[in-house]
Amino acid sequence: MAGRRPTPRHATRRPTPRSGAAPRGGERFARWYRVVPVVVLVMVLAVVAVVVALPTSLGRALHPVRHADQIEASCERHGVDPLLACAVIECESGWDEGAVSPVGAVGLMQVMPDTARSLVSLGLVDDDAYDPDDLADPATNIEYGCAYLGYLQEHLSGLEEVIAAYNAGIGAVQGWISEGGTIPEDVEYAETRAYLDRVLAAYEAYQDSYPNGITGT
């Protein structure tokens, strides 16, 4: 129509957003949608970490370790697995340093005084450093208990024989074997059979609960 100004071309263009302007709704949704998988992944990984750690944490609560440094040192001297020593302690005394049995076994590993003196006479324990008359002392008791386990390992051929002998005595176990028996099938003492089962179960639990060793994380 005559008299009307033509509409400028640039009037129909959308203005270019300025730098720093807030994103529109679609852009905000796209950004949020990209973040969601990352958040979910982090949450899943956190849950997995808790689930993985839970059995170990529960196992350590049920199967504690005390005097870890002393156990490791004594086991290293006598060639014994520290986890086996822990299993024996758990089944012998329940980690009670003051435990004394009706037959006179003393302390954490329930060492008999006569056994301790025999280990000294065999040269397996230094009685100047570890007094056999002080078996109530945890370090001393652990040293003699681990020395005895090491002695049994040298004279017997398998883990089950060693554990059975710790309870019944090496003479009894060697007697059963000399008669053609095998361990655990031919263990003659009900108490020793039950003890063997308990220590083996505890040993497995300690292996599961302390995969990096008793002083590891």
C-alpha atoms as a PDB file:
ATOM      1  CA  MET A   1       0.000   0.000   0.000  1.00  0.00           C
ATOM      2  CA  ALA A   2       1.334   3.395  -0.880  1.00  0.00           C
ATOM      3  CA  GLY A   3       2.564   5.424   2.071  1.00  0.00           C
ATOM      4  CA  ARG A   4       3.590   2.427   4.270  1.00  0.00           C
ATOM      5  CA  ARG A   5       7.197   1.805   5.019  1.00  0.00           C
ATOM      6  CA  PRO A   6       8.461  -1.611   4.074  1.00  0.00           C
ATOM      7  CA  THR A   7       9.255  -3.860   6.988  1.00  0.00           C
ATOM      8  CA  PRO A   8      13.015  -4.071   7.457  1.00  0.00           C
ATOM      9  CA  ARG A   9      14.405  -7.501   6.703  1.00  0.00           C
ATOM     10  CA  HIS A  10      16.232  -7.748   9.970  1.00  0.00           C
ATOM     11  CA  ALA A  11      13.027  -7.225  11.927  1.00  0.00           C
ATOM     12  CA  THR A  12      11.987 -10.858  11.453  1.00  0.00           C
ATOM     13  CA  ARG A  13      15.277 -12.292  12.679  1.00  0.00           C
ATOM     14  CA  ARG A  14      15.484 -13.767  16.147  1.00  0.00           C
ATOM     15  CA  PRO A  15      17.933 -11.950  18.310  1.00  0.00           C
ATOM     16  CA  THR A  16      21.141 -13.817  18.996  1.00  0.00           C
ATOM     17  CA  PRO A  17      21.372 -14.746  22.703  1.00  0.00           C
ATOM     18  CA  ARG A  18      24.004 -12.783  24.506  1.00  0.00           C
ATOM     19  CA  SER A  19      26.936 -14.558  25.995  1.00  0.00           C
ATOM     20  CA  GLY A  20      26.043 -15.795  29.495  1.00  0.00           C
ATOM     21  CA  ALA A  21      22.300 -15.731  28.886  1.00  0.00           C
ATOM     22  CA  ALA A  22      20.275 -18.420  30.708  1.00  0.00           C
ATOM     23  CA  PRO A  23      19.654 -21.530  28.580  1.00  0.00           C
ATOM     24  CA  ARG A  24      16.155 -22.135  27.289  1.00  0.00           C
ATOM     25  CA  GLY A  25      14.003 -24.996  28.609  1.00  0.00           C
ATOM     26  CA  GLY A  26      15.032 -27.521  25.953  1.00  0.00           C
ATOM     27  CA  GLU A  27      18.698 -26.845  26.516  1.00  0.00           C
ATOM     28  CA  ARG A  28      18.337 -27.167  30.291  1.00  0.00           C
ATOM     29  CA  PHE A  29      16.601 -30.541  29.852  1.00  0.00           C
ATOM     30  CA  ALA A  30      19.313 -31.792  27.503  1.00  0.00           C
ATOM     31  CA  ARG A  31      22.040 -30.847  29.953  1.00  0.00           C
ATOM     32  CA  TRP A  32      20.187 -32.475  32.865  1.00  0.00           C
ATOM     33  CA  TYR A  33      19.583 -35.606  30.786  1.00  0.00           C
ATOM     34  CA  ARG A  34      23.306 -35.927  30.083  1.00  0.00           C
ATOM     35  CA  VAL A  35      24.157 -35.612  33.801  1.00  0.00           C
ATOM     36  CA  VAL A  36      21.680 -38.285  34.975  1.00  0.00           C
ATOM     37  CA  PRO A  37      23.659 -41.343  33.736  1.00  0.00           C
ATOM     38  CA  VAL A  38      26.775 -40.066  35.479  1.00  0.00           C
ATOM     39  CA  VAL A  39      24.924 -39.611  38.759  1.00  0.00           C
ATOM     40  CA  VAL A  40      23.333 -43.046  38.470  1.00  0.00           C
ATOM     41  CA  LEU A  41      26.710 -44.621  37.702  1.00  0.00           C
ATOM     42  CA  VAL A  42      28.297 -42.995  40.756  1.00  0.00           C
ATOM     43  CA  MET A  43      25.436 -44.209  42.950  1.00  0.00           C
ATOM     44  CA  VAL A  44      25.679 -47.751  41.561  1.00  0.00           C
ATOM     45  CA  LEU A  45      29.438 -47.848  42.133  1.00  0.00           C
ATOM     46  CA  ALA A  46      28.965 -46.620  45.704  1.00  0.00           C
ATOM     47  CA  VAL A  47      26.394 -49.342  46.401  1.00  0.00           C
ATOM     48  CA  VAL A  48      28.640 -51.992  44.865  1.00  0.00           C
ATOM     49  CA  ALA A  49      31.561 -50.828  47.022  1.00  0.00           C
ATOM     50  CA  VAL A  50      29.442 -51.148  50.160  1.00  0.00           C
ATOM     51  CA  VAL A  51      28.142 -54.588  49.159  1.00  0.00           C
ATOM     52  CA  VAL A  52      31.652 -55.817  48.385  1.00  0.00           C
ATOM     53  CA  ALA A  53      33.087 -54.467  51.649  1.00  0.00           C
ATOM     54  CA  LEU A  54      30.230 -55.715  53.840  1.00  0.00           C
ATOM     55  CA  PRO A  55      31.202 -59.423  53.980  1.00  0.00           C
ATOM     56  CA  THR A  56      34.798 -58.527  54.891  1.00  0.00           C
ATOM     57  CA  SER A  57      33.702 -56.048  57.565  1.00  0.00           C
ATOM     58  CA  LEU A  58      31.204 -58.508  59.021  1.00  0.00           C
ATOM     59  CA  GLY A  59      33.781 -61.289  58.899  1.00  0.00           C
ATOM     60  CA  ARG A  60      36.303 -59.187  60.798  1.00  0.00           C
ATOM     61  CA  ALA A  61      33.699 -58.355  63.423  1.00  0.00           C
ATOM     62  CA  LEU A  62      32.948 -62.056  63.916  1.00  0.00           C
ATOM     63  CA  HIS A  63      36.593 -63.122  63.684  1.00  0.00           C
ATOM     64  CA  PRO A  64      38.752 -60.437  65.304  1.00  0.00           C
ATOM     65  CA  VAL A  65      42.535 -60.263  65.476  1.00  0.00           C
ATOM     66  CA  ARG A  66      44.541 -58.993  68.416  1.00  0.00           C
ATOM     67  CA  HIS A  67      48.311 -58.879  68.898  1.00  0.00           C
ATOM     68  CA  ALA A  68      48.677 -58.968  65.105  1.00  0.00           C
ATOM     69  CA  ASP A  69      52.317 -57.848  65.091  1.00  0.00           C
ATOM     70  CA  GLN A  70      53.335 -60.507  67.599  1.00  0.00           C
ATOM     71  CA  ILE A  71      51.423 -63.204  65.723  1.00  0.00           C
ATOM     72  CA  GLU A  72      53.081 -62.290  62.442  1.00  0.00           C
ATOM     73  CA  ALA A  73      56.554 -62.167  64.021  1.00  0.00           C
ATOM     74  CA  SER A  74      56.185 -65.543  65.751  1.00  0.00           C
ATOM     75  CA  CYS A  75      54.642 -67.152  62.676  1.00  0.00           C
ATOM     76  CA  GLU A  76      57.476 -65.902  60.484  1.00  0.00           C
ATOM     77  CA  ARG A  77      60.042 -67.405  62.866  1.00  0.00           C
ATOM     78  CA  HIS A  78      58.320 -70.782  62.872  1.00  0.00           C
ATOM     79  CA  GLY A  79      56.973 -70.990  59.312  1.00  0.00           C
ATOM     80  CA  VAL A  80      53.302 -70.836  60.263  1.00  0.00           C
ATOM     81  CA  ASP A  81      50.430 -69.103  58.466  1.00  0.00           C
ATOM     82  CA  PRO A  82      49.271 -66.224  60.732  1.00  0.00           C
ATOM     83  CA  LEU A  83      45.683 -66.905  59.715  1.00  0.00           C
ATOM     84  CA  LEU A  84      45.992 -70.464  61.002  1.00  0.00           C
ATOM     85  CA  ALA A  85      47.389 -69.168  64.289  1.00  0.00           C
ATOM     86  CA  CYS A  86      44.406 -66.818  64.565  1.00  0.00           C
ATOM     87  CA  ALA A  87      41.991 -69.677  63.899  1.00  0.00           C
ATOM     88  CA  VAL A  88      43.648 -71.750  66.633  1.00  0.00           C
ATOM     89  CA  ILE A  89      43.487 -68.845  69.092  1.00  0.00           C
ATOM     90  CA  GLU A  90      39.812 -68.269  68.341  1.00  0.00           C
ATOM     91  CA  CYS A  91      38.946 -71.929  68.915  1.00  0.00           C
ATOM     92  CA  GLU A  92      41.263 -72.470  71.877  1.00  0.00           C
ATOM     93  CA  SER A  93      40.491 -69.410  73.996  1.00  0.00           C
ATOM     94  CA  GLY A  94      38.198 -67.053  72.108  1.00  0.00           C
ATOM     95  CA  TRP A  95      41.019 -64.460  72.395  1.00  0.00           C
ATOM     96  CA  ASP A  96      40.876 -64.619  76.201  1.00  0.00           C
ATOM     97  CA  GLU A  97      44.425 -63.951  77.435  1.00  0.00           C
ATOM     98  CA  GLY A  98      43.597 -65.214  80.906  1.00  0.00           C
ATOM     99  CA  ALA A  99      42.019 -68.511  79.877  1.00  0.00           C
ATOM    100  CA  VAL A 100      43.125 -71.585  81.832  1.00  0.00           C
ATOM    101  CA  SER A 101      41.729 -75.046  81.029  1.00  0.00           C
ATOM    102  CA  PRO A 102      40.844 -77.719  83.622  1.00  0.00           C
ATOM    103  CA  VAL A 103      43.977 -79.645  82.598  1.00  0.00           C
ATOM    104  CA  GLY A 104      46.252 -76.622  82.978  1.00  0.00           C
ATOM    105  CA  ALA A 105      46.564 -75.245  79.430  1.00  0.00           C
ATOM    106  CA  VAL A 106      47.223 -71.518  79.595  1.00  0.00           C
ATOM    107  CA  GLY A 107      46.466 -68.370  77.651  1.00  0.00           C
ATOM    108  CA  LEU A 108      45.499 -67.443  74.113  1.00  0.00           C
ATOM    109  CA  MET A 109      46.773 -70.631  72.447  1.00  0.00           C
ATOM    110  CA  GLN A 110      46.159 -72.840  75.494  1.00  0.00           C
ATOM    111  CA  VAL A 111      49.770 -73.978  75.792  1.00  0.00           C
ATOM    112  CA  MET A 112      50.627 -76.654  78.327  1.00  0.00           C
ATOM    113  CA  PRO A 113      53.623 -75.737  80.548  1.00  0.00           C
ATOM    114  CA  ASP A 114      55.272 -79.096  79.817  1.00  0.00           C
ATOM    115  CA  THR A 115      54.915 -78.490  76.088  1.00  0.00           C
ATOM    116  CA  ALA A 116      56.534 -75.059  76.463  1.00  0.00           C
ATOM    117  CA  ARG A 117      59.506 -76.525  78.314  1.00  0.00           C
ATOM    118  CA  SER A 118      59.852 -79.240  75.666  1.00  0.00           C
ATOM    119  CA  LEU A 119      60.021 -76.593  72.947  1.00  0.00           C
ATOM    120  CA  VAL A 120      62.805 -74.869  74.857  1.00  0.00           C
ATOM    121  CA  SER A 121      64.745 -78.131  75.193  1.00  0.00           C
ATOM    122  CA  LEU A 122      64.395 -78.691  71.446  1.00  0.00           C
ATOM    123  CA  GLY A 123      65.901 -75.269  70.810  1.00  0.00           C
ATOM    124  CA  LEU A 124      62.754 -73.969  69.157  1.00  0.00           C
ATOM    125  CA  VAL A 125      62.127 -71.116  71.590  1.00  0.00           C
ATOM    126  CA  ASP A 126      64.595 -68.868  73.380  1.00  0.00           C
ATOM    127  CA  ASP A 127      63.596 -69.043  77.041  1.00  0.00           C
ATOM    128  CA  ASP A 128      65.666 -65.930  77.834  1.00  0.00           C
ATOM    129  CA  ALA A 129      63.331 -63.952  75.606  1.00  0.00           C
ATOM    130  CA  TYR A 130      60.181 -65.977  76.335  1.00  0.00           C
ATOM    131  CA  ASP A 131      59.915 -67.418  79.836  1.00  0.00           C
ATOM    132  CA  PRO A 132      57.994 -70.745  79.730  1.00  0.00           C
ATOM    133  CA  ASP A 133      56.682 -69.993  83.215  1.00  0.00           C
ATOM    134  CA  ASP A 134      54.986 -66.812  81.939  1.00  0.00           C
ATOM    135  CA  LEU A 135      52.496 -68.305  79.520  1.00  0.00           C
ATOM    136  CA  ALA A 136      49.802 -65.852  80.621  1.00  0.00           C
ATOM    137  CA  ASP A 137      51.756 -63.142  78.804  1.00  0.00           C
ATOM    138  CA  PRO A 138      50.227 -62.837  75.291  1.00  0.00           C
ATOM    139  CA  ALA A 139      53.533 -62.442  73.434  1.00  0.00           C
ATOM    140  CA  THR A 140      55.072 -65.405  75.262  1.00  0.00           C
ATOM    141  CA  ASN A 141      52.013 -67.568  74.752  1.00  0.00           C
ATOM    142  CA  ILE A 142      51.841 -66.768  71.040  1.00  0.00           C
ATOM    143  CA  GLU A 143      55.533 -67.572  70.620  1.00  0.00           C
ATOM    144  CA  TYR A 144      55.160 -71.027  72.194  1.00  0.00           C
ATOM    145  CA  GLY A 145      51.876 -71.772  70.419  1.00  0.00           C
ATOM    146  CA  CYS A 146      53.305 -70.870  67.012  1.00  0.00           C
ATOM    147  CA  ALA A 147      56.499 -72.799  67.754  1.00  0.00           C
ATOM    148  CA  TYR A 148      54.400 -75.863  68.508  1.00  0.00           C
ATOM    149  CA  LEU A 149      52.414 -75.451  65.277  1.00  0.00           C
ATOM    150  CA  GLY A 150      55.699 -75.172  63.384  1.00  0.00           C
ATOM    151  CA  TYR A 151      57.015 -78.312  65.081  1.00  0.00           C
ATOM    152  CA  LEU A 152      53.861 -80.227  64.151  1.00  0.00           C
ATOM    153  CA  GLN A 153      54.117 -79.053  60.548  1.00  0.00           C
ATOM    154  CA  GLU A 154      57.651 -80.460  60.315  1.00  0.00           C
ATOM    155  CA  HIS A 155      56.639 -83.880  61.619  1.00  0.00           C
ATOM    156  CA  LEU A 156      53.236 -84.326  59.994  1.00  0.00           C
ATOM    157  CA  SER A 157      52.184 -84.265  56.373  1.00  0.00           C
ATOM    158  CA  GLY A 158      49.052 -82.168  56.189  1.00  0.00           C
ATOM    159  CA  LEU A 159      47.030 -79.325  57.661  1.00  0.00           C
ATOM    160  CA  GLU A 160      44.341 -81.595  59.113  1.00  0.00           C
ATOM    161  CA  GLU A 161      46.955 -83.746  60.834  1.00  0.00           C
ATOM    162  CA  VAL A 162      48.578 -80.642  62.349  1.00  0.00           C
ATOM    163  CA  ILE A 163      45.287 -79.296  63.697  1.00  0.00           C
ATOM    164  CA  ALA A 164      44.269 -82.674  65.099  1.00  0.00           C
ATOM    165  CA  ALA A 165      47.667 -83.061  66.778  1.00  0.00           C
ATOM    166  CA  TYR A 166      47.420 -79.612  68.360  1.00  0.00           C
ATOM    167  CA  ASN A 167      44.387 -80.929  70.213  1.00  0.00           C
ATOM    168  CA  ALA A 168      45.093 -84.636  70.696  1.00  0.00           C
ATOM    169  CA  GLY A 169      48.897 -84.635  70.707  1.00  0.00           C
ATOM    170  CA  ILE A 170      51.339 -85.689  68.025  1.00  0.00           C
ATOM    171  CA  GLY A 171      51.684 -89.192  69.496  1.00  0.00           C
ATOM    172  CA  ALA A 172      47.972 -89.908  69.103  1.00  0.00           C
ATOM    173  CA  VAL A 173      47.863 -88.696  65.521  1.00  0.00           C
ATOM    174  CA  GLN A 174      50.996 -90.612  64.538  1.00  0.00           C
ATOM    175  CA  GLY A 175      49.495 -93.693  66.174  1.00  0.00           C
ATOM    176  CA  TRP A 176      46.305 -93.442  64.143  1.00  0.00           C
ATOM    177  CA  ILE A 177      48.303 -92.998  60.956  1.00  0.00           C
ATOM    178  CA  SER A 178      50.666 -95.895  61.747  1.00  0.00           C
ATOM    179  CA  GLU A 179      47.638 -98.164  62.048  1.00  0.00           C
ATOM    180  CA  GLY A 180      46.665 -97.307  58.488  1.00  0.00           C
ATOM    181  CA  GLY A 181      44.266 -94.529  59.391  1.00  0.00           C
ATOM    182  CA  THR A 182      43.835 -91.163  57.728  1.00  0.00           C
ATOM    183  CA  ILE A 183      42.940 -87.793  59.136  1.00  0.00           C
ATOM    184  CA  PRO A 184      40.170 -86.763  59.602  1.00  0.00           C
ATOM    185  CA  GLU A 185      38.418 -90.047  58.763  1.00  0.00           C
ATOM    186  CA  ASP A 186      40.113 -92.080  61.480  1.00  0.00           C
ATOM    187  CA  VAL A 187      40.352 -89.573  64.339  1.00  0.00           C
ATOM    188  CA  GLU A 188      39.326 -91.623  67.336  1.00  0.00           C
ATOM    189  CA  TYR A 189      38.443 -88.796  69.744  1.00  0.00           C
ATOM    190  CA  ALA A 190      35.075 -87.082  69.311  1.00  0.00           C
ATOM    191  CA  GLU A 191      36.483 -83.938  70.891  1.00  0.00           C
ATOM    192  CA  THR A 192      39.328 -83.865  68.360  1.00  0.00           C
ATOM    193  CA  ARG A 193      36.966 -84.390  65.425  1.00  0.00           C
ATOM    194  CA  ALA A 194      34.820 -81.469  66.589  1.00  0.00           C
ATOM    195  CA  TYR A 195      37.917 -79.357  67.217  1.00  0.00           C
ATOM    196  CA  LEU A 196      39.259 -80.089  63.734  1.00  0.00           C
ATOM    197  CA  ASP A 197      35.984 -79.013  62.125  1.00  0.00           C
ATOM    198  CA  ARG A 198      35.898 -75.795  64.148  1.00  0.00           C
ATOM    199  CA  VAL A 199      39.472 -74.782  63.390  1.00  0.00           C
ATOM    200  CA  LEU A 200      39.124 -75.527  59.680  1.00  0.00           C
ATOM    201  CA  ALA A 201      35.945 -73.411  59.541  1.00  0.00           C
ATOM    202  CA  ALA A 202      37.623 -70.589  61.466  1.00  0.00           C
ATOM    203  CA  TYR A 203      40.696 -70.788  59.221  1.00  0.00           C
ATOM    204  CA  GLU A 204      38.537 -70.417  56.120  1.00  0.00           C
ATOM    205  CA  ALA A 205      36.708 -67.474  57.711  1.00  0.00           C
ATOM    206  CA  TYR A 206      39.994 -65.733  58.513  1.00  0.00           C
ATOM    207  CA  GLN A 207      41.212 -66.292  54.952  1.00  0.00           C
ATOM    208  CA  ASP A 208      38.018 -64.685  53.622  1.00  0.00           C
ATOM    209  CA  SER A 209      38.049 -61.811  56.113  1.00  0.00           C
ATOM    210  CA  TYR A 210      41.743 -60.903  55.859  1.00  0.00           C
ATOM    211  CA  PRO A 211      42.690 -61.383  52.179  1.00  0.00           C
ATOM    212  CA  ASN A 212      45.635 -59.004  52.604  1.00  0.00           C
ATOM    213  CA  GLY A 213      46.865 -60.535  55.852  1.00  0.00           C
ATOM    214  CA  ILE A 214      46.127 -59.696  59.467  1.00  0.00           C
ATOM    215  CA  THR A 215      48.114 -56.447  59.386  1.00  0.00           C
ATOM    216  CA  GLY A 216      46.904 -55.420  55.921  1.00  0.00           C
ATOM    217  CA  THR A 217      43.910 -53.251  55.042  1.00  0.00           C
END
